[in-house]
Amino acid sequence: MTTLITAHQTDTDTKTDTEAGTGPRRTPRGQADGMAVAAFVLGLVGTLVANVILGPCALVLGALALARHTTRRARAMLGMALGAADLIILATLATADGSLSWTFGG
């Protein structure tokens, strides 16, 4: 059995995502790798500023990256560890002087 392919079918079948105007598609693994990097960066920045917001975000993104089987597993785990450290810093600051921010000096 032979199938006929028209010129219209071959043109649409061979278009790439960029030619079709939709842009490059990200695979779930690529998204998970991005989440792992974002978890690390948010956890790292959260140790200095806005740990009440960035700590939980780092934990969630790291867990999502691990659930989606990222190739950057160590970075996702480090992001989660830094997110947990952010929350520990927050709890320490809240109990030590009743504030939620760093203070330098006396």
C-alpha atoms as a PDB file:
ATOM      1  CA  MET A   1       0.000   0.000   0.000  1.00  0.00           C
ATOM      2  CA  THR A   2       1.388   3.378  -1.010  1.00  0.00           C
ATOM      3  CA  THR A   3       0.466   6.704   0.489  1.00  0.00           C
ATOM      4  CA  LEU A   4       0.661   9.933  -1.396  1.00  0.00           C
ATOM      5  CA  ILE A   5       2.189  12.917   0.285  1.00  0.00           C
ATOM      6  CA  THR A   6       1.226  16.305  -1.014  1.00  0.00           C
ATOM      7  CA  ALA A   7       3.554  19.288  -1.050  1.00  0.00           C
ATOM      8  CA  HIS A   8       1.479  20.967   1.661  1.00  0.00           C
ATOM      9  CA  GLN A   9       1.908  18.031   4.047  1.00  0.00           C
ATOM     10  CA  THR A  10       5.660  17.884   3.637  1.00  0.00           C
ATOM     11  CA  ASP A  11       6.055  21.631   4.225  1.00  0.00           C
ATOM     12  CA  THR A  12       4.164  21.580   7.505  1.00  0.00           C
ATOM     13  CA  ASP A  13       5.721  18.334   8.687  1.00  0.00           C
ATOM     14  CA  THR A  14       9.287  19.538   8.191  1.00  0.00           C
ATOM     15  CA  LYS A  15       8.895  22.943   9.870  1.00  0.00           C
ATOM     16  CA  THR A  16      10.804  23.346  13.064  1.00  0.00           C
ATOM     17  CA  ASP A  17       9.368  25.069  16.107  1.00  0.00           C
ATOM     18  CA  THR A  18      11.326  28.229  15.328  1.00  0.00           C
ATOM     19  CA  GLU A  19       9.985  28.420  11.774  1.00  0.00           C
ATOM     20  CA  ALA A  20       6.448  27.851  12.981  1.00  0.00           C
ATOM     21  CA  GLY A  21       6.805  30.856  15.299  1.00  0.00           C
ATOM     22  CA  THR A  22       6.359  28.991  18.561  1.00  0.00           C
ATOM     23  CA  GLY A  23       9.991  29.145  19.624  1.00  0.00           C
ATOM     24  CA  PRO A  24      12.098  26.301  20.948  1.00  0.00           C
ATOM     25  CA  ARG A  25      10.316  23.797  23.120  1.00  0.00           C
ATOM     26  CA  ARG A  26      11.722  22.896  26.501  1.00  0.00           C
ATOM     27  CA  THR A  27      11.658  19.307  27.561  1.00  0.00           C
ATOM     28  CA  PRO A  28      10.504  18.379  31.062  1.00  0.00           C
ATOM     29  CA  ARG A  29      14.085  17.430  31.902  1.00  0.00           C
ATOM     30  CA  GLY A  30      15.325  20.839  30.719  1.00  0.00           C
ATOM     31  CA  GLN A  31      12.711  22.521  32.890  1.00  0.00           C
ATOM     32  CA  ALA A  32      13.781  20.386  35.842  1.00  0.00           C
ATOM     33  CA  ASP A  33      17.404  21.416  35.310  1.00  0.00           C
ATOM     34  CA  GLY A  34      16.327  25.061  35.321  1.00  0.00           C
ATOM     35  CA  MET A  35      14.402  24.492  38.533  1.00  0.00           C
ATOM     36  CA  ALA A  36      17.479  22.948  40.146  1.00  0.00           C
ATOM     37  CA  VAL A  37      19.604  25.967  39.261  1.00  0.00           C
ATOM     38  CA  ALA A  38      16.866  28.351  40.425  1.00  0.00           C
ATOM     39  CA  ALA A  39      16.592  26.495  43.743  1.00  0.00           C
ATOM     40  CA  PHE A  40      20.325  26.848  44.296  1.00  0.00           C
ATOM     41  CA  VAL A  41      20.376  30.555  43.428  1.00  0.00           C
ATOM     42  CA  LEU A  42      17.310  31.365  45.533  1.00  0.00           C
ATOM     43  CA  GLY A  43      18.690  29.439  48.485  1.00  0.00           C
ATOM     44  CA  LEU A  44      22.034  31.189  48.196  1.00  0.00           C
ATOM     45  CA  VAL A  45      20.556  34.673  47.909  1.00  0.00           C
ATOM     46  CA  GLY A  46      18.050  33.865  50.653  1.00  0.00           C
ATOM     47  CA  THR A  47      20.827  33.452  53.196  1.00  0.00           C
ATOM     48  CA  LEU A  48      21.467  37.194  52.875  1.00  0.00           C
ATOM     49  CA  VAL A  49      18.112  38.811  52.072  1.00  0.00           C
ATOM     50  CA  ALA A  50      14.415  37.913  52.186  1.00  0.00           C
ATOM     51  CA  ASN A  51      14.930  34.469  53.703  1.00  0.00           C
ATOM     52  CA  VAL A  52      11.254  34.292  54.676  1.00  0.00           C
ATOM     53  CA  ILE A  53      10.314  34.252  50.959  1.00  0.00           C
ATOM     54  CA  LEU A  54      13.320  32.761  49.196  1.00  0.00           C
ATOM     55  CA  GLY A  55      13.861  29.844  51.602  1.00  0.00           C
ATOM     56  CA  PRO A  56      10.519  28.143  50.971  1.00  0.00           C
ATOM     57  CA  CYS A  57      10.794  28.885  47.236  1.00  0.00           C
ATOM     58  CA  ALA A  58      14.168  27.133  47.134  1.00  0.00           C
ATOM     59  CA  LEU A  59      12.730  24.133  48.976  1.00  0.00           C
ATOM     60  CA  VAL A  60       9.775  23.823  46.608  1.00  0.00           C
ATOM     61  CA  LEU A  61      11.811  24.270  43.417  1.00  0.00           C
ATOM     62  CA  GLY A  62      14.435  21.785  44.579  1.00  0.00           C
ATOM     63  CA  ALA A  63      11.790  19.199  45.406  1.00  0.00           C
ATOM     64  CA  LEU A  64      10.064  19.713  42.052  1.00  0.00           C
ATOM     65  CA  ALA A  65      13.364  19.356  40.204  1.00  0.00           C
ATOM     66  CA  LEU A  66      14.097  16.094  42.002  1.00  0.00           C
ATOM     67  CA  ALA A  67      10.578  14.821  41.328  1.00  0.00           C
ATOM     68  CA  ARG A  68      11.047  15.546  37.618  1.00  0.00           C
ATOM     69  CA  HIS A  69      14.345  13.633  37.549  1.00  0.00           C
ATOM     70  CA  THR A  70      16.763  16.466  36.916  1.00  0.00           C
ATOM     71  CA  THR A  71      20.261  15.736  35.701  1.00  0.00           C
ATOM     72  CA  ARG A  72      21.507  18.364  38.180  1.00  0.00           C
ATOM     73  CA  ARG A  73      20.507  16.371  41.224  1.00  0.00           C
ATOM     74  CA  ALA A  74      23.286  17.684  43.475  1.00  0.00           C
ATOM     75  CA  ARG A  75      22.407  21.288  42.688  1.00  0.00           C
ATOM     76  CA  ALA A  76      18.736  20.671  43.506  1.00  0.00           C
ATOM     77  CA  MET A  77      19.675  19.040  46.804  1.00  0.00           C
ATOM     78  CA  LEU A  78      22.058  21.881  47.642  1.00  0.00           C
ATOM     79  CA  GLY A  79      19.283  24.371  46.855  1.00  0.00           C
ATOM     80  CA  MET A  80      16.995  22.523  49.240  1.00  0.00           C
ATOM     81  CA  ALA A  81      19.681  22.507  51.932  1.00  0.00           C
ATOM     82  CA  LEU A  82      20.231  26.244  51.499  1.00  0.00           C
ATOM     83  CA  GLY A  83      16.466  26.813  51.628  1.00  0.00           C
ATOM     84  CA  ALA A  84      16.322  24.915  54.913  1.00  0.00           C
ATOM     85  CA  ALA A  85      19.286  26.948  56.181  1.00  0.00           C
ATOM     86  CA  ASP A  86      17.377  30.109  55.257  1.00  0.00           C
ATOM     87  CA  LEU A  87      14.493  29.026  57.459  1.00  0.00           C
ATOM     88  CA  ILE A  88      16.852  28.115  60.294  1.00  0.00           C
ATOM     89  CA  ILE A  89      18.457  31.560  60.042  1.00  0.00           C
ATOM     90  CA  LEU A  90      14.990  33.104  60.083  1.00  0.00           C
ATOM     91  CA  ALA A  91      14.013  31.166  63.205  1.00  0.00           C
ATOM     92  CA  THR A  92      17.300  32.057  64.918  1.00  0.00           C
ATOM     93  CA  LEU A  93      16.889  35.756  64.151  1.00  0.00           C
ATOM     94  CA  ALA A  94      13.277  35.739  65.308  1.00  0.00           C
ATOM     95  CA  THR A  95      14.138  34.131  68.654  1.00  0.00           C
ATOM     96  CA  ALA A  96      17.365  36.054  69.271  1.00  0.00           C
ATOM     97  CA  ASP A  97      16.159  39.635  68.884  1.00  0.00           C
ATOM     98  CA  GLY A  98      12.569  39.436  67.703  1.00  0.00           C
ATOM     99  CA  SER A  99      13.288  40.761  64.218  1.00  0.00           C
ATOM    100  CA  LEU A 100      13.245  39.106  60.820  1.00  0.00           C
ATOM    101  CA  SER A 101      16.290  40.857  59.374  1.00  0.00           C
ATOM    102  CA  TRP A 102      20.051  40.985  59.727  1.00  0.00           C
ATOM    103  CA  THR A 103      21.485  43.713  61.912  1.00  0.00           C
ATOM    104  CA  PHE A 104      25.110  44.733  61.929  1.00  0.00           C
ATOM    105  CA  GLY A 105      26.675  46.503  64.864  1.00  0.00           C
ATOM    106  CA  GLY A 106      25.408  47.133  68.361  1.00  0.00           C
END
